C-alpha atoms as a PDB file:
ATOM      1  CA  MET A   1       0.000   0.000   0.000  1.00  0.00           C
ATOM      2  CA  PRO A   2       1.481   3.379  -0.942  1.00  0.00           C
ATOM      3  CA  GLU A   3       2.230   5.831   1.830  1.00  0.00           C
ATOM      4  CA  MET A   4      -0.101   8.772   2.373  1.00  0.00           C
ATOM      5  CA  THR A   5       0.907  12.263   1.456  1.00  0.00           C
ATOM      6  CA  GLU A   6       0.901  14.921   4.163  1.00  0.00           C
ATOM      7  CA  GLU A   7      -2.325  16.335   2.700  1.00  0.00           C
ATOM      8  CA  GLU A   8      -4.024  12.910   2.739  1.00  0.00           C
ATOM      9  CA  ALA A   9      -2.935  12.298   6.321  1.00  0.00           C
ATOM     10  CA  ASP A  10      -4.270  15.704   7.395  1.00  0.00           C
ATOM     11  CA  ALA A  11      -7.590  15.060   5.629  1.00  0.00           C
ATOM     12  CA  LEU A  12      -7.913  11.650   7.283  1.00  0.00           C
ATOM     13  CA  ASP A  13      -7.059  13.117  10.685  1.00  0.00           C
ATOM     14  CA  GLU A  14      -9.694  15.807  10.216  1.00  0.00           C
ATOM     15  CA  LEU A  15     -12.294  13.256   9.129  1.00  0.00           C
ATOM     16  CA  TRP A  16     -11.710  11.040  12.170  1.00  0.00           C
ATOM     17  CA  THR A  17     -11.621  14.025  14.491  1.00  0.00           C
ATOM     18  CA  LYS A  18     -14.997  15.236  13.232  1.00  0.00           C
ATOM     19  CA  THR A  19     -16.676  11.816  13.016  1.00  0.00           C
ATOM     20  CA  THR A  20     -15.411  10.033  16.114  1.00  0.00           C
ATOM     21  CA  PRO A  21     -18.432   8.446  17.814  1.00  0.00           C
ATOM     22  CA  LYS A  22     -19.363   9.799  21.227  1.00  0.00           C
ATOM     23  CA  ILE A  23     -19.971   7.170  23.889  1.00  0.00           C
ATOM     24  CA  LYS A  24     -22.817   7.744  26.328  1.00  0.00           C
ATOM     25  CA  VAL A  25     -22.649   5.551  29.407  1.00  0.00           C
ATOM     26  CA  GLY A  26     -25.999   4.066  30.342  1.00  0.00           C
ATOM     27  CA  SER A  27     -27.730   5.232  27.169  1.00  0.00           C
ATOM     28  CA  GLY A  28     -29.054   1.809  26.226  1.00  0.00           C
ATOM     29  CA  GLY A  29     -28.109  -0.055  23.080  1.00  0.00           C
ATOM     30  CA  GLY A  30     -25.471   1.354  20.804  1.00  0.00           C
ATOM     31  CA  TYR A  31     -25.039   0.968  17.076  1.00  0.00           C
ATOM     32  CA  PHE A  32     -23.492  -2.504  17.234  1.00  0.00           C
ATOM     33  CA  SER A  33     -26.018  -3.952  19.649  1.00  0.00           C
ATOM     34  CA  GLU A  34     -28.935  -2.417  17.741  1.00  0.00           C
ATOM     35  CA  HIS A  35     -27.710  -3.618  14.348  1.00  0.00           C
ATOM     36  CA  GLN A  36     -26.327  -6.936  15.546  1.00  0.00           C
ATOM     37  CA  ALA A  37     -22.990  -6.257  13.888  1.00  0.00           C
ATOM     38  CA  GLN A  38     -20.208  -8.662  14.751  1.00  0.00           C
ATOM     39  CA  MET A  39     -16.483  -8.672  14.267  1.00  0.00           C
ATOM     40  CA  LEU A  40     -15.006 -11.570  12.334  1.00  0.00           C
ATOM     41  CA  LEU A  41     -11.443 -12.746  12.699  1.00  0.00           C
ATOM     42  CA  LEU A  42      -9.969 -14.172   9.509  1.00  0.00           C
ATOM     43  CA  ASP A  43      -6.771 -16.003   8.750  1.00  0.00           C
ATOM     44  CA  GLU A  44      -4.144 -13.989   6.855  1.00  0.00           C
ATOM     45  CA  GLN A  45      -4.706 -15.657   3.478  1.00  0.00           C
ATOM     46  CA  THR A  46      -8.488 -15.156   3.617  1.00  0.00           C
ATOM     47  CA  ALA A  47      -8.131 -11.524   4.687  1.00  0.00           C
ATOM     48  CA  ARG A  48      -5.687 -10.769   1.852  1.00  0.00           C
ATOM     49  CA  LEU A  49      -7.901 -12.423  -0.768  1.00  0.00           C
ATOM     50  CA  LEU A  50     -11.027 -10.708   0.533  1.00  0.00           C
ATOM     51  CA  ASN A  51      -9.353  -7.291   0.576  1.00  0.00           C
ATOM     52  CA  ALA A  52      -7.927  -7.782  -2.933  1.00  0.00           C
ATOM     53  CA  LYS A  53     -11.334  -8.793  -4.315  1.00  0.00           C
ATOM     54  CA  ALA A  54     -12.995  -5.899  -2.511  1.00  0.00           C
ATOM     55  CA  ARG A  55     -10.544  -3.388  -4.004  1.00  0.00           C
ATOM     56  CA  ALA A  56     -10.927  -4.901  -7.479  1.00  0.00           C
ATOM     57  CA  SER A  57     -14.734  -4.723  -7.284  1.00  0.00           C
ATOM     58  CA  ARG A  58     -14.737  -1.281  -5.632  1.00  0.00           C
ATOM     59  CA  GLN A  59     -16.698  -2.653  -2.693  1.00  0.00           C
ATOM     60  CA  THR A  60     -15.915  -2.830   0.987  1.00  0.00           C
ATOM     61  CA  ALA A  61     -14.944  -6.193   2.395  1.00  0.00           C
ATOM     62  CA  SER A  62     -18.236  -6.190   4.315  1.00  0.00           C
ATOM     63  CA  GLU A  63     -20.235  -5.624   1.127  1.00  0.00           C
ATOM     64  CA  LEU A  64     -18.382  -8.440  -0.595  1.00  0.00           C
ATOM     65  CA  VAL A  65     -18.983 -10.842   2.306  1.00  0.00           C
ATOM     66  CA  SER A  66     -22.664  -9.905   2.293  1.00  0.00           C
ATOM     67  CA  VAL A  67     -22.957 -10.696  -1.430  1.00  0.00           C
ATOM     68  CA  LEU A  68     -21.181 -14.026  -0.952  1.00  0.00           C
ATOM     69  CA  VAL A  69     -23.401 -15.000   1.981  1.00  0.00           C
ATOM     70  CA  HIS A  70     -26.590 -14.052   0.115  1.00  0.00           C
ATOM     71  CA  ARG A  71     -25.475 -16.130  -2.876  1.00  0.00           C
ATOM     72  CA  GLU A  72     -24.751 -19.090  -0.630  1.00  0.00           C
ATOM     73  CA  LEU A  73     -28.128 -18.733   1.079  1.00  0.00           C
ATOM     74  CA  ALA A  74     -29.872 -18.579  -2.289  1.00  0.00           C
ATOM     75  CA  LEU A  75     -28.106 -21.766  -3.392  1.00  0.00           C
ATOM     76  CA  THR A  76     -28.867 -23.514  -0.112  1.00  0.00           C
ATOM     77  CA  THR A  77     -32.530 -22.563  -0.018  1.00  0.00           C
ATOM     78  CA  GLY A  78     -33.094 -22.896  -3.757  1.00  0.00           C
ATOM     79  CA  ASN A  79     -34.577 -19.419  -3.632  1.00  0.00           C
ATOM     80  CA  GLY A  80     -32.472 -17.937  -6.410  1.00  0.00           C
ATOM     81  CA  GLU A  81     -32.684 -14.472  -4.806  1.00  0.00           C
ATOM     82  CA  HIS A  82     -29.783 -12.506  -3.430  1.00  0.00           C
END
């Protein structure tokens, strides 16, 4: 991966500074609990392949995994939808 320029690093820093989530203690469910998001741990080879395919398809790795899972579900259920 190429190194960032000073301008790119500053822009990224500004983005994260302005969009850092605020945590409210005792506020009930947060984004992850409400949306049932989960973190997956992948082996190195799988992660590299997934990231390469995601870059090539201009999708995020999460979008690519979602497409793959929906295809698998369609094949398993015989639904044909994805």
